Every structure is written in structure tokens, then in C-alpha cells.
């Protein structure tokens, strides 16, 4: 882009910000068209389009196909900061990270890895929790864009549907990386564990111990690629060994929003209802499974072997040190940082889906299968 054109679109951008900040253009009102602005400033439409694209990225305006461009609900302080930042000439070099929750080793390590990776490239991290809510996810995306982030790393909220704001980011080719899972039908970078291989490896370990009736506990898998892939790997491993897939020994209706008491009660009921089940794989609810088994009078691993998909802090202090498929959380974070920076700096136009292998760590929650069917209380 010629230097003159760059100066012109910056001037147009600042003009539009001032119109919004002064109240001349009210929130949700339609702004002048590209043709009207190009005539007003005596510049080409591409110059106007560049200015509008930058303001869309910053969350100052938004587009509606076939209707035009409209003013977003921005506060005056954030608009003033945009003016100040642009006049200083200093690039912001900010990347946002949205995560449903920050309550365990896995999420903390991903956050740490992202911060490390961005810091190495000279970028600062802006972090926010979405509290497992799509509405919060949308709101935080708007906040991040108003803060001037140049790219976003998103750990999506679980569920069958993704929000339209994420779709808009992908369609506009805004620098975007998903972590832990990907969203089908959306062209974007993603970094996660190889969950399919992890499901297969977990079943292989249990089968080597003589288990054939192996259950699966998780939240609803629909729309959450990490759980869907683990279940697919679990089923494939059973098929490869000639073991009948029994969907009655799956509990896939749990929710992150349930209380600990609700989760434990549901798992206990599931375990009691399936006394022939000798082993189970579980995602998200490691301590709940142990507590539910204890309440039902089921000994782990003597009566029930359990494999967890995430490691825990200080496993040696656990009531039953867990056998796990340990994920490379720090490296997932670092890879996500590398991908978003590469997209920001136009180093690559290709989208990548990176899958990192998990590592089986055998501890005390798995043991050889017992022949007799146990009685449960």
C-alpha cells in the first residue's frame, strides 16, 4: 500500500471515530456508505474499505450484509483510547484469549503457554473468562476487539452451536485460533491434543489388563470435538479387539453447570446400574468418579478401573493416584500463540489443525479385571 493511501485511510478512520465519540453517529445507526465516504474524502473505495475494515476489527462498527455498516455500542473511554493509540503511532501488539473457566491444571497451563509464546514474539496477552456462557463469549469478544486486539485465541464454550460472532471473525479472516477443540465448518487454526489416539490408547491399556466391559463418562459430546474424538477412538479400539460396543454403559449427559453433588449423584446412580462394568474412561470429572464409587461401595481399582483424560496436580496426594492420558497443555498454548502471531503478521495464509499426542501415565486407578460381578450399594 502506498504511503499516501495509508495516511488517507488513517484520516478517514479517525474521522469516523470522532463522529461516533461526539455522538454525531449514534449507536446502532447506519453510517454513510463506502461511495458516500469516498466522494466526501475524494479517495478510492478501496481506501474507504480499508478504514472500515480496521474499525470492524476494533469493534467500533459492524456490517450487516445487504444493509450497510452500523455503529457498535462503544463507550467513550475506549474510543478515546483508540484515538490516543493511533496518534501515538505505536502498534498495540495485543492478543486476546477467551477461556470458559480457569479452575484446574489444564486450563492454567494452557494460559501459561500462550503467555510464554506471545511474550517471545513481543505481544501482550489480554485474558478473560467466559464462564461457560455463549452470551459472555460474545460480550468478551466485543470487549477484546474494542481494546484493539490484533488476534484472538478462543477456547470455545461447549455445545452444539457456536456463536455468530465467532463465525463473523472467521469469515472476515480476523486472526483466530481455537484451542482444545475445533468448530466444524469454520476455516480457522486450531491446536488440541490428539483425542482420537488418546481414546484408543486408554482402551488398549484397559484391554491389556483384561477389561472388556468399559464405560465412558463425559459431558454431552455433541458439538464438542474433543469429546467426540475421544469417543470415536474408544469405539474404534473396542471394534479392533472384537468387543461389542455397549452404549448403555455411557454417561454422556453431565454438564459443567451442575453442582458437585448433582454430578456425584448421577455418576453413583450410573455405576450402581451397571455392575457388569469393570472399567471406565472419564473426561472432566476425575474426583467425582472416585467419590461416587466410594459412596456406592465400589473400590477403585479393585472393583472398577478408571482412566482419566487429564492429569492432576500432585497425584501422589490423591486418594487414588490416577492413571491418565496427560496432555501437553503448555505446548498447546505455545503453538496457539505461534499460529495467531503468524496470521497477524501474514506469514502464512494456510489454516492448520495441530494435534499433539497425549502420554499414558499408569498409576493406581487401574488394575487387572476381576472375574466375579460385584454387588453395589
Protein backbone atom coordinates (compact mmCIF):
# COMPACT_ATOMS: atom_id res chain seq x y z
CA UNK A 1 0.00 0.00 0.00
CA UNK A 2 1.34 3.44 -0.94
CA UNK A 3 2.26 5.72 1.95
CA UNK A 4 -0.24 8.36 0.81
CA UNK A 5 -3.11 5.85 0.77
CA UNK A 6 -2.12 4.68 4.26
CA UNK A 7 -2.27 8.24 5.59
CA UNK A 8 -5.65 8.79 3.91
CA UNK A 9 -7.36 5.72 5.34
CA UNK A 10 -6.00 6.58 8.80
CA UNK A 11 -7.53 10.05 8.45
CA UNK A 12 -10.87 8.56 7.42
CA UNK A 13 -10.71 6.11 10.33
CA UNK A 14 -10.06 8.91 12.81
CA UNK A 15 -12.87 10.99 11.32
CA UNK A 16 -15.35 8.16 11.84
CA UNK A 17 -14.18 7.52 15.40
CA UNK A 18 -14.61 11.24 16.18
CA UNK A 19 -18.13 11.22 14.69
CA UNK A 20 -19.10 8.33 16.95
CA UNK A 21 -17.32 9.70 20.02
CA UNK A 22 -19.01 13.09 19.66
CA UNK A 23 -22.45 11.50 19.34
CA UNK A 24 -22.97 12.66 15.75
CA UNK A 25 -23.34 9.00 14.81
CA UNK A 26 -25.45 7.26 17.45
CA UNK A 27 -25.02 3.61 18.49
CA UNK A 28 -26.69 1.17 16.05
CA UNK A 29 -27.24 3.92 13.46
CA UNK A 30 -26.23 3.32 9.84
CA UNK A 31 -23.13 5.24 8.77
CA UNK A 32 -22.56 6.71 5.29
CA UNK A 33 -21.91 4.16 2.53
CA UNK A 34 -18.49 3.48 1.02
CA UNK A 35 -19.50 5.51 -2.05
CA UNK A 36 -20.61 8.47 0.08
CA UNK A 37 -17.39 8.44 2.10
CA UNK A 38 -15.15 8.09 -0.98
CA UNK A 39 -16.90 11.10 -2.52
CA UNK A 40 -16.61 13.12 0.72
CA UNK A 41 -12.86 12.47 1.01
CA UNK A 42 -12.16 12.28 -2.73
CA UNK A 43 -10.48 8.90 -2.41
CA UNK A 44 -11.00 5.44 -3.89
CA UNK A 45 -13.49 2.98 -2.42
CA UNK A 46 -10.64 0.60 -1.51
CA UNK A 47 -9.17 3.29 0.76
CA UNK A 48 -12.53 3.68 2.50
CA UNK A 49 -12.92 -0.09 2.68
CA UNK A 50 -9.53 -0.35 4.46
CA UNK A 51 -10.61 2.19 7.06
CA UNK A 52 -13.93 0.42 7.63
CA UNK A 53 -12.24 -2.98 7.90
CA UNK A 54 -9.96 -1.69 10.66
CA UNK A 55 -12.93 -0.28 12.58
CA UNK A 56 -14.81 -3.60 12.20
CA UNK A 57 -11.77 -5.40 13.62
CA UNK A 58 -11.71 -3.00 16.56
CA UNK A 59 -15.42 -3.50 17.24
CA UNK A 60 -16.27 0.15 16.58
CA UNK A 61 -18.66 -0.63 13.70
CA UNK A 62 -20.24 -3.80 12.34
CA UNK A 63 -21.56 -4.85 8.96
CA UNK A 64 -24.90 -6.37 8.01
CA UNK A 65 -24.90 -7.98 4.61
CA UNK A 66 -27.10 -6.13 2.17
CA UNK A 67 -27.93 -3.40 4.70
CA UNK A 68 -24.71 -1.47 5.29
CA UNK A 69 -22.37 -0.62 8.16
CA UNK A 70 -23.64 0.36 11.61
CA UNK A 71 -22.23 1.92 14.78
CA UNK A 72 -21.47 -0.57 17.55
CA UNK A 73 -22.20 0.14 21.22
CA UNK A 74 -18.80 1.54 22.25
CA UNK A 75 -18.08 3.53 25.39
CA UNK A 76 -16.42 6.94 25.09
CA UNK A 77 -13.33 5.93 27.05
CA UNK A 78 -12.49 3.07 24.69
CA UNK A 79 -12.95 5.34 21.66
CA UNK A 80 -10.68 7.95 23.22
CA UNK A 81 -8.06 5.26 23.78
CA UNK A 82 -8.26 4.28 20.10
CA UNK A 83 -7.64 7.89 19.11
CA UNK A 84 -4.70 8.12 21.52
CA UNK A 85 -3.17 4.84 20.36
CA UNK A 86 -3.45 5.70 16.67
CA UNK A 87 -1.99 9.18 17.14
CA UNK A 88 0.97 7.80 19.04
CA UNK A 89 1.87 5.67 16.03
CA UNK A 90 2.83 2.77 18.28
CA UNK A 91 1.39 -0.65 17.35
CA UNK A 92 -0.69 -2.19 20.11
CA UNK A 93 0.56 -5.78 19.61
CA UNK A 94 -2.23 -7.24 21.75
CA UNK A 95 -3.71 -10.73 21.50
CA UNK A 96 -6.85 -11.76 23.39
CA UNK A 97 -7.52 -15.16 24.96
CA UNK A 98 -11.01 -16.32 25.94
CA UNK A 99 -11.46 -19.41 28.13
CA UNK A 100 -14.63 -20.89 29.69
CA UNK A 101 -13.03 -21.23 33.13
CA UNK A 102 -9.68 -21.15 34.91
CA UNK A 103 -10.09 -23.76 37.62
CA UNK A 104 -7.63 -26.58 37.02
CA UNK A 105 -4.12 -27.54 35.97
CA UNK A 106 -5.09 -28.00 32.31
CA UNK A 107 -6.56 -24.52 31.78
CA UNK A 108 -3.84 -22.81 33.85
CA UNK A 109 -1.08 -24.45 31.83
CA UNK A 110 -2.68 -23.51 28.51
CA UNK A 111 -2.87 -19.89 29.68
CA UNK A 112 0.77 -20.00 30.78
CA UNK A 113 1.87 -21.48 27.45
CA UNK A 114 0.03 -18.81 25.47
CA UNK A 115 1.56 -16.02 27.54
CA UNK A 116 5.04 -17.50 27.08
CA UNK A 117 4.59 -17.85 23.33
CA UNK A 118 3.24 -14.33 22.85
CA UNK A 119 5.91 -12.78 25.05
CA UNK A 120 8.63 -14.38 22.93
CA UNK A 121 7.14 -12.65 19.86
CA UNK A 122 6.77 -9.25 21.55
CA UNK A 123 2.98 -9.42 22.06
CA UNK A 124 0.95 -8.80 25.21
CA UNK A 125 -1.87 -11.05 26.36
CA UNK A 126 -5.37 -9.84 27.28
CA UNK A 127 -7.27 -12.62 29.09
CA UNK A 128 -10.94 -13.08 30.02
CA UNK A 129 -13.19 -15.91 31.24
CA UNK A 130 -16.49 -16.64 29.51
CA UNK A 131 -17.92 -18.69 32.42
CA UNK A 132 -19.27 -21.42 30.08
CA UNK A 133 -21.74 -18.94 28.58
CA UNK A 134 -22.10 -18.15 24.89
CA UNK A 135 -23.58 -14.75 25.74
CA UNK A 136 -20.49 -13.97 27.82
CA UNK A 137 -18.34 -15.28 24.97
CA UNK A 138 -19.97 -12.82 22.56
CA UNK A 139 -19.67 -9.94 25.02
CA UNK A 140 -16.00 -10.65 25.73
CA UNK A 141 -15.19 -10.86 22.01
CA UNK A 142 -16.68 -7.37 21.58
CA UNK A 143 -14.68 -6.10 24.56
CA UNK A 144 -11.47 -7.59 23.20
CA UNK A 145 -11.98 -6.01 19.79
CA UNK A 146 -12.72 -2.63 21.37
CA UNK A 147 -9.49 -2.98 23.32
CA UNK A 148 -7.69 -3.24 19.99
CA UNK A 149 -6.52 -6.86 20.00
CA UNK A 150 -4.93 -7.88 16.71
CA UNK A 151 -5.84 -11.53 17.09
CA UNK A 152 -7.89 -13.87 19.28
CA UNK A 153 -7.26 -17.29 20.78
CA UNK A 154 -10.53 -18.91 21.84
CA UNK A 155 -11.21 -21.97 23.97
CA UNK A 156 -14.85 -22.34 22.83
CA UNK A 157 -17.77 -22.85 25.18
CA UNK A 158 -19.05 -26.43 25.00
CA UNK A 159 -22.18 -27.05 22.95
CA UNK A 160 -23.67 -28.00 19.61
CA UNK A 161 -23.67 -24.45 18.24
CA UNK A 162 -21.07 -21.73 18.06
CA UNK A 163 -21.97 -18.07 18.30
CA UNK A 164 -22.36 -15.84 15.24
CA UNK A 165 -19.59 -13.55 16.43
CA UNK A 166 -17.06 -16.38 16.02
CA UNK A 167 -18.43 -17.08 12.53
CA UNK A 168 -18.06 -13.39 11.67
CA UNK A 169 -14.44 -13.38 12.85
CA UNK A 170 -13.63 -16.39 10.68
CA UNK A 171 -15.39 -15.03 7.58
CA UNK A 172 -13.56 -11.71 7.87
CA UNK A 173 -10.27 -13.64 8.24
CA UNK A 174 -9.58 -11.98 11.57
CA UNK A 175 -6.51 -13.72 13.11
CA UNK A 176 -8.13 -16.54 15.08
CA UNK A 177 -7.01 -19.79 16.75
CA UNK A 178 -9.13 -22.32 18.64
CA UNK A 179 -7.59 -24.35 21.46
CA UNK A 180 -8.62 -27.76 22.87
CA UNK A 181 -11.18 -28.22 20.11
CA UNK A 182 -12.19 -27.00 16.67
CA UNK A 183 -15.53 -25.92 15.23
CA UNK A 184 -16.70 -27.87 12.19
CA UNK A 185 -17.40 -25.84 9.08
CA UNK A 186 -15.27 -22.90 10.19
CA UNK A 187 -11.95 -22.28 8.47
CA UNK A 188 -9.59 -21.35 11.28
CA UNK A 189 -6.44 -22.52 13.00
CA UNK A 190 -6.79 -24.92 15.93
CA UNK A 191 -4.49 -26.63 18.43
CA UNK A 192 -5.53 -29.56 20.60
CA UNK A 193 -4.48 -32.98 21.79
CA UNK A 194 -4.86 -35.97 19.50
CA UNK A 195 -8.02 -37.01 21.30
CA UNK A 196 -8.85 -39.86 18.93
CA UNK A 197 -5.48 -41.52 19.60
CA UNK A 198 -5.91 -40.87 23.34
CA UNK A 199 -9.25 -42.71 23.34
CA UNK A 200 -7.66 -45.66 21.57
CA UNK A 201 -4.67 -45.76 23.92
CA UNK A 202 -6.87 -45.67 27.03
CA UNK A 203 -8.90 -48.65 25.81
CA UNK A 204 -5.73 -50.52 24.79
CA UNK A 205 -4.33 -50.14 28.31
CA UNK A 206 -7.53 -51.44 29.91
CA UNK A 207 -7.83 -54.35 27.48
CA UNK A 208 -4.27 -55.39 28.31
CA UNK A 209 -5.47 -55.67 31.91
CA UNK A 210 -8.30 -57.96 30.80
CA UNK A 211 -11.19 -55.49 30.81
CA UNK A 212 -13.96 -55.93 28.22
CA UNK A 213 -16.87 -54.02 29.71
CA UNK A 214 -15.53 -50.46 29.53
CA UNK A 215 -17.78 -47.44 30.08
CA UNK A 216 -17.38 -43.74 29.25
CA UNK A 217 -18.33 -40.67 31.36
CA UNK A 218 -18.38 -37.12 29.99
CA UNK A 219 -20.44 -34.04 29.28
CA UNK A 220 -22.67 -34.05 26.20
CA UNK A 221 -20.37 -34.79 23.24
CA UNK A 222 -22.41 -33.09 20.50
CA UNK A 223 -20.55 -30.06 19.19
CA UNK A 224 -17.50 -30.60 21.41
CA UNK A 225 -14.88 -32.07 19.10
CA UNK A 226 -12.51 -33.16 21.87
CA UNK A 227 -15.13 -35.44 23.46
CA UNK A 228 -16.49 -36.63 20.11
CA UNK A 229 -12.99 -37.68 19.04
CA UNK A 230 -12.26 -39.46 22.33
CA UNK A 231 -15.47 -41.45 21.98
CA UNK A 232 -14.62 -42.26 18.34
CA UNK A 233 -11.18 -43.52 19.38
CA UNK A 234 -12.71 -45.51 22.25
CA UNK A 235 -15.19 -47.19 19.90
CA UNK A 236 -12.55 -47.94 17.26
CA UNK A 237 -10.28 -49.59 19.85
CA UNK A 238 -13.15 -51.78 21.06
CA UNK A 239 -14.03 -52.76 17.48
CA UNK A 240 -10.40 -53.62 16.71
CA UNK A 241 -10.48 -56.10 19.60
CA UNK A 242 -13.81 -57.62 18.68
CA UNK A 243 -15.55 -56.17 21.76
CA UNK A 244 -19.22 -55.29 21.31
CA UNK A 245 -19.90 -51.55 21.68
CA UNK A 246 -22.40 -51.17 24.51
CA UNK A 247 -23.82 -47.65 24.58
CA UNK A 248 -25.81 -48.44 27.72
CA UNK A 249 -22.58 -48.11 29.74
CA UNK A 250 -22.07 -44.49 28.78
CA UNK A 251 -22.98 -41.50 30.87
CA UNK A 252 -22.72 -38.57 28.43
CA UNK A 253 -25.38 -36.26 29.86
CA UNK A 254 -23.39 -34.43 32.53
CA UNK A 255 -22.95 -30.67 32.46
CA UNK A 256 -20.24 -28.33 33.69
CA UNK A 257 -23.08 -26.26 35.13
CA UNK A 258 -24.21 -28.99 37.52
CA UNK A 259 -23.22 -28.82 41.17
CA UNK A 260 -20.67 -31.29 42.55
CA UNK A 261 -23.46 -33.01 44.46
CA UNK A 262 -25.55 -33.44 41.29
CA UNK A 263 -22.62 -34.84 39.33
CA UNK A 264 -21.63 -37.30 42.06
CA UNK A 265 -25.23 -38.49 42.45
CA UNK A 266 -25.61 -39.06 38.70
CA UNK A 267 -22.31 -40.95 38.45
CA UNK A 268 -23.15 -43.05 41.53
CA UNK A 269 -26.52 -44.00 40.00
CA UNK A 270 -24.77 -44.91 36.73
CA UNK A 271 -22.19 -47.10 38.47
CA UNK A 272 -24.81 -48.89 40.57
CA UNK A 273 -26.96 -49.55 37.49
CA UNK A 274 -24.07 -51.23 35.65
CA UNK A 275 -22.46 -53.80 37.96
CA UNK A 276 -21.00 -55.71 34.99
CA UNK A 277 -18.86 -52.70 34.01
CA UNK A 278 -15.27 -53.26 35.17
CA UNK A 279 -13.61 -50.09 33.84
CA UNK A 280 -14.48 -46.59 32.73
CA UNK A 281 -12.89 -43.66 30.90
CA UNK A 282 -13.78 -40.20 32.14
CA UNK A 283 -13.35 -36.63 30.95
CA UNK A 284 -13.86 -33.52 33.13
CA UNK A 285 -14.99 -35.30 36.29
CA UNK A 286 -11.96 -37.12 37.76
CA UNK A 287 -12.55 -36.58 41.51
CA UNK A 288 -16.30 -37.02 41.15
CA UNK A 289 -15.92 -40.56 39.81
CA UNK A 290 -13.73 -41.63 42.75
CA UNK A 291 -16.14 -40.08 45.28
CA UNK A 292 -19.20 -41.60 43.58
CA UNK A 293 -17.59 -45.04 43.55
CA UNK A 294 -16.68 -44.75 47.22
CA UNK A 295 -20.27 -43.78 48.12
CA UNK A 296 -21.54 -46.83 46.21
CA UNK A 297 -19.13 -49.16 47.99
CA UNK A 298 -17.07 -49.72 44.85
CA UNK A 299 -13.30 -49.94 45.32
CA UNK A 300 -11.01 -48.28 42.76
CA UNK A 301 -9.16 -50.08 41.20
CA UNK A 302 -10.07 -53.44 42.80
CA UNK A 303 -13.70 -53.32 41.56
CA UNK A 304 -13.51 -50.57 38.96
CA UNK A 305 -10.52 -49.35 36.97
CA UNK A 306 -10.62 -45.68 35.91
CA UNK A 307 -8.60 -43.83 33.26
CA UNK A 308 -8.72 -40.02 33.25
CA UNK A 309 -8.13 -37.81 30.21
CA UNK A 310 -6.39 -35.03 32.16
CA UNK A 311 -3.64 -35.16 34.74
CA UNK A 312 -3.97 -33.62 38.20
CA UNK A 313 -1.70 -31.58 40.41
CA UNK A 314 0.25 -33.61 42.97
CA UNK A 315 -1.21 -37.01 42.02
CA UNK A 316 0.75 -38.62 44.85
CA UNK A 317 -1.61 -36.92 47.33
CA UNK A 318 -4.80 -38.16 45.60
CA UNK A 319 -6.95 -40.70 47.41
CA UNK A 320 -6.23 -42.95 44.42
CA UNK A 321 -3.33 -41.69 42.26
CA UNK A 322 -4.94 -41.62 38.80
CA UNK A 323 -3.92 -43.34 35.60
CA UNK A 324 -4.15 -40.57 32.99
CA UNK A 325 -3.68 -39.53 29.40
CA UNK A 326 -1.58 -36.45 30.13
CA UNK A 327 -1.96 -33.64 27.62
CA UNK A 328 0.78 -31.20 26.57
CA UNK A 329 -1.03 -28.14 27.87
CA UNK A 330 1.94 -25.76 27.81
CA UNK A 331 2.82 -26.72 24.25
CA UNK A 332 -0.83 -26.38 23.16
CA UNK A 333 -0.68 -22.79 24.45
CA UNK A 334 2.66 -22.05 22.80
CA UNK A 335 1.52 -23.46 19.44
CA UNK A 336 -1.66 -21.37 19.60
CA UNK A 337 0.43 -18.24 20.22
CA UNK A 338 2.72 -19.05 17.28
CA UNK A 339 -0.22 -19.59 14.93
CA UNK A 340 -2.06 -16.38 15.82
CA UNK A 341 1.12 -14.28 15.50
CA UNK A 342 1.88 -15.87 12.12
CA UNK A 343 -1.61 -14.92 10.96
CA UNK A 344 -1.32 -11.37 12.31
CA UNK A 345 2.00 -10.87 10.57
CA UNK A 346 0.79 -12.51 7.34
CA UNK A 347 3.48 -15.17 7.47
CA UNK A 348 1.05 -17.81 6.21
CA UNK A 349 -2.37 -17.93 4.57
CA UNK A 350 -2.86 -21.63 5.31
CA UNK A 351 -5.01 -22.84 8.17
CA UNK A 352 -3.55 -25.55 10.38
CA UNK A 353 -5.13 -28.07 12.71
CA UNK A 354 -2.36 -29.18 15.05
CA UNK A 355 -2.87 -32.34 17.10
CA UNK A 356 -0.36 -33.04 19.87
CA UNK A 357 0.00 -36.57 21.29
CA UNK A 358 -1.02 -37.36 24.87
CA UNK A 359 1.09 -39.56 27.15
CA UNK A 360 -0.27 -42.52 29.12
CA UNK A 361 0.85 -42.41 32.75
CA UNK A 362 -0.10 -45.56 34.65
CA UNK A 363 -0.69 -45.10 38.37
CA UNK A 364 -3.03 -46.69 40.93
CA UNK A 365 -6.52 -46.26 39.46
CA UNK A 366 -6.22 -49.20 37.03
CA UNK A 367 -5.66 -52.87 37.79
CA UNK A 368 -6.34 -56.30 36.24
CA UNK A 369 -10.04 -57.10 35.75
CA UNK A 370 -11.76 -59.32 38.33
CA UNK A 371 -13.87 -62.20 37.07
CA UNK A 372 -16.80 -62.08 39.51
CA UNK A 373 -19.55 -59.50 39.09
CA UNK A 374 -19.51 -57.17 42.06
CA UNK A 375 -22.52 -56.16 44.12
CA UNK A 376 -23.13 -52.45 44.62
CA UNK A 377 -24.95 -50.46 47.22
